[in-house]
Amino acid sequence: MLTVRGIITLVILVVLFALAVVWISKNGGWKGEGCGGNCASCHQRCETPRKKSSDQTNN
């Protein structure tokens, strides 16, 4: 059986992990492709796509 101290420690770790996941997803995700729940941000990226490095060298 877990003690009160163990339960509190476990709850704190779970909350910190959840906050880290939320922060990562709102800042581009693990691969930098996520919207983080902000669809307007994704639409804006689709409307004004960045040029690829090969496009910049051919200009």
N, C-alpha and C. Protein backbone atom coordinates (compact mmCIF):
# COMPACT_ATOMS: atom_id res chain seq x y z
N MET A 1 0.85 -1.18 0.00
CA MET A 1 0.00 0.00 0.00
C MET A 1 0.89 1.24 0.00
N LEU A 2 0.53 2.20 -0.81
CA LEU A 2 1.28 3.44 -0.87
C LEU A 2 0.95 4.33 0.33
N THR A 3 1.96 5.02 0.77
CA THR A 3 1.74 5.98 1.86
C THR A 3 1.20 7.28 1.26
N VAL A 4 0.78 8.17 2.12
CA VAL A 4 0.27 9.47 1.67
C VAL A 4 1.37 10.21 0.92
N ARG A 5 2.58 10.13 1.40
CA ARG A 5 3.72 10.80 0.75
C ARG A 5 3.95 10.22 -0.65
N GLY A 6 3.83 8.92 -0.81
CA GLY A 6 3.99 8.28 -2.10
C GLY A 6 2.90 8.67 -3.08
N ILE A 7 1.68 8.76 -2.58
CA ILE A 7 0.55 9.15 -3.43
C ILE A 7 0.71 10.60 -3.90
N ILE A 8 1.11 11.48 -3.01
CA ILE A 8 1.31 12.89 -3.37
C ILE A 8 2.42 13.01 -4.41
N THR A 9 3.51 12.27 -4.22
CA THR A 9 4.61 12.30 -5.18
C THR A 9 4.16 11.79 -6.54
N LEU A 10 3.38 10.73 -6.55
CA LEU A 10 2.88 10.18 -7.80
C LEU A 10 1.96 11.16 -8.52
N VAL A 11 1.09 11.83 -7.79
CA VAL A 11 0.19 12.81 -8.38
C VAL A 11 0.97 13.98 -8.97
N ILE A 12 1.99 14.44 -8.25
CA ILE A 12 2.81 15.55 -8.75
C ILE A 12 3.52 15.15 -10.04
N LEU A 13 4.06 13.94 -10.10
CA LEU A 13 4.75 13.49 -11.30
C LEU A 13 3.79 13.37 -12.49
N VAL A 14 2.59 12.87 -12.25
CA VAL A 14 1.60 12.77 -13.32
C VAL A 14 1.20 14.15 -13.84
N VAL A 15 1.00 15.10 -12.95
CA VAL A 15 0.65 16.46 -13.36
C VAL A 15 1.78 17.09 -14.15
N LEU A 16 3.02 16.93 -13.71
CA LEU A 16 4.16 17.50 -14.45
C LEU A 16 4.29 16.87 -15.83
N PHE A 17 4.07 15.56 -15.93
CA PHE A 17 4.13 14.90 -17.22
C PHE A 17 3.03 15.43 -18.15
N ALA A 18 1.83 15.59 -17.63
CA ALA A 18 0.72 16.11 -18.43
C ALA A 18 1.02 17.53 -18.91
N LEU A 19 1.56 18.36 -18.05
CA LEU A 19 1.91 19.73 -18.45
C LEU A 19 2.99 19.73 -19.52
N ALA A 20 3.96 18.82 -19.42
CA ALA A 20 5.01 18.74 -20.43
C ALA A 20 4.44 18.33 -21.78
N VAL A 21 3.52 17.38 -21.79
CA VAL A 21 2.89 16.94 -23.04
C VAL A 21 2.10 18.08 -23.66
N VAL A 22 1.36 18.81 -22.86
CA VAL A 22 0.58 19.95 -23.37
C VAL A 22 1.51 21.01 -23.93
N TRP A 23 2.58 21.32 -23.23
CA TRP A 23 3.53 22.34 -23.68
C TRP A 23 4.18 21.94 -25.00
N ILE A 24 4.59 20.68 -25.10
CA ILE A 24 5.23 20.21 -26.33
C ILE A 24 4.25 20.26 -27.49
N SER A 25 3.02 19.84 -27.28
CA SER A 25 2.05 19.83 -28.37
C SER A 25 1.68 21.24 -28.81
N LYS A 26 1.67 22.19 -27.91
CA LYS A 26 1.34 23.57 -28.28
C LYS A 26 2.50 24.29 -28.94
N ASN A 27 3.70 23.74 -28.82
CA ASN A 27 4.87 24.36 -29.43
C ASN A 27 5.39 23.55 -30.61
N GLY A 28 4.48 23.04 -31.42
CA GLY A 28 4.88 22.38 -32.65
C GLY A 28 4.94 20.88 -32.60
N GLY A 29 4.73 20.29 -31.48
CA GLY A 29 4.75 18.83 -31.40
C GLY A 29 6.16 18.27 -31.43
N TRP A 30 6.24 16.96 -31.42
CA TRP A 30 7.54 16.31 -31.38
C TRP A 30 8.29 16.46 -32.69
N LYS A 31 7.58 16.50 -33.81
CA LYS A 31 8.22 16.63 -35.12
C LYS A 31 8.02 18.03 -35.70
N GLY A 32 7.42 18.92 -34.96
CA GLY A 32 7.18 20.26 -35.46
C GLY A 32 6.04 20.34 -36.46
N GLU A 33 5.18 19.33 -36.49
CA GLU A 33 4.10 19.30 -37.45
C GLU A 33 2.73 19.49 -36.82
N GLY A 34 2.65 19.47 -35.53
CA GLY A 34 1.35 19.50 -34.86
C GLY A 34 0.75 20.89 -34.78
N CYS A 35 -0.55 20.92 -34.58
CA CYS A 35 -1.26 22.19 -34.43
C CYS A 35 -1.40 22.56 -32.96
N GLY A 36 -1.30 21.58 -32.08
CA GLY A 36 -1.49 21.86 -30.67
C GLY A 36 -2.92 22.26 -30.35
N GLY A 37 -3.87 21.80 -31.16
CA GLY A 37 -5.27 22.14 -30.93
C GLY A 37 -5.67 23.48 -31.52
N ASN A 38 -4.72 24.18 -32.15
CA ASN A 38 -5.00 25.49 -32.73
C ASN A 38 -5.13 25.34 -34.24
N CYS A 39 -6.34 25.09 -34.71
CA CYS A 39 -6.57 24.86 -36.14
C CYS A 39 -6.28 26.11 -36.96
N ALA A 40 -6.54 27.29 -36.41
CA ALA A 40 -6.28 28.53 -37.14
C ALA A 40 -4.80 28.66 -37.48
N SER A 41 -3.95 28.21 -36.58
CA SER A 41 -2.52 28.26 -36.82
C SER A 41 -2.14 27.35 -37.98
N CYS A 42 -2.75 26.17 -38.03
CA CYS A 42 -2.47 25.24 -39.13
C CYS A 42 -2.95 25.79 -40.46
N HIS A 43 -4.12 26.40 -40.48
CA HIS A 43 -4.65 26.98 -41.70
C HIS A 43 -3.75 28.10 -42.19
N GLN A 44 -3.23 28.89 -41.27
CA GLN A 44 -2.35 29.98 -41.65
C GLN A 44 -1.07 29.45 -42.27
N ARG A 45 -0.54 28.35 -41.73
CA ARG A 45 0.67 27.76 -42.31
C ARG A 45 0.40 27.22 -43.71
N CYS A 46 -0.79 26.67 -43.94
CA CYS A 46 -1.13 26.14 -45.26
C CYS A 46 -1.32 27.26 -46.28
N GLU A 47 -1.85 28.39 -45.84
CA GLU A 47 -2.09 29.51 -46.75
C GLU A 47 -0.80 30.20 -47.15
N THR A 48 0.16 30.25 -46.27
CA THR A 48 1.44 30.89 -46.56
C THR A 48 2.57 29.90 -46.26
N PRO A 49 2.77 28.91 -47.15
CA PRO A 49 3.81 27.91 -46.89
C PRO A 49 5.21 28.52 -47.02
N ARG A 50 6.13 27.96 -46.25
CA ARG A 50 7.52 28.41 -46.33
C ARG A 50 8.16 27.82 -47.58
N LYS A 51 9.08 28.57 -48.15
CA LYS A 51 9.80 28.06 -49.30
C LYS A 51 10.83 27.04 -48.83
N LYS A 52 11.01 26.02 -49.64
CA LYS A 52 12.04 25.02 -49.33
C LYS A 52 13.40 25.60 -49.67
N SER A 53 14.45 25.05 -49.09
CA SER A 53 15.79 25.57 -49.33
C SER A 53 16.18 25.43 -50.80
N SER A 54 15.70 24.41 -51.52
CA SER A 54 16.01 24.26 -52.93
C SER A 54 15.35 25.36 -53.76
N ASP A 55 14.17 25.83 -53.34
CA ASP A 55 13.49 26.92 -54.04
C ASP A 55 14.26 28.23 -53.88
N GLN A 56 14.84 28.44 -52.74
CA GLN A 56 15.56 29.68 -52.49
C GLN A 56 16.86 29.75 -53.29
N THR A 57 17.52 28.63 -53.50
CA THR A 57 18.79 28.63 -54.22
C THR A 57 18.56 28.75 -55.72
N ASN A 58 17.38 28.36 -56.23
CA ASN A 58 17.10 28.42 -57.65
C ASN A 58 16.57 29.78 -58.09
N ASN A 59 16.28 30.69 -57.18
CA ASN A 59 15.71 31.98 -57.53
C ASN A 59 16.73 32.93 -58.02
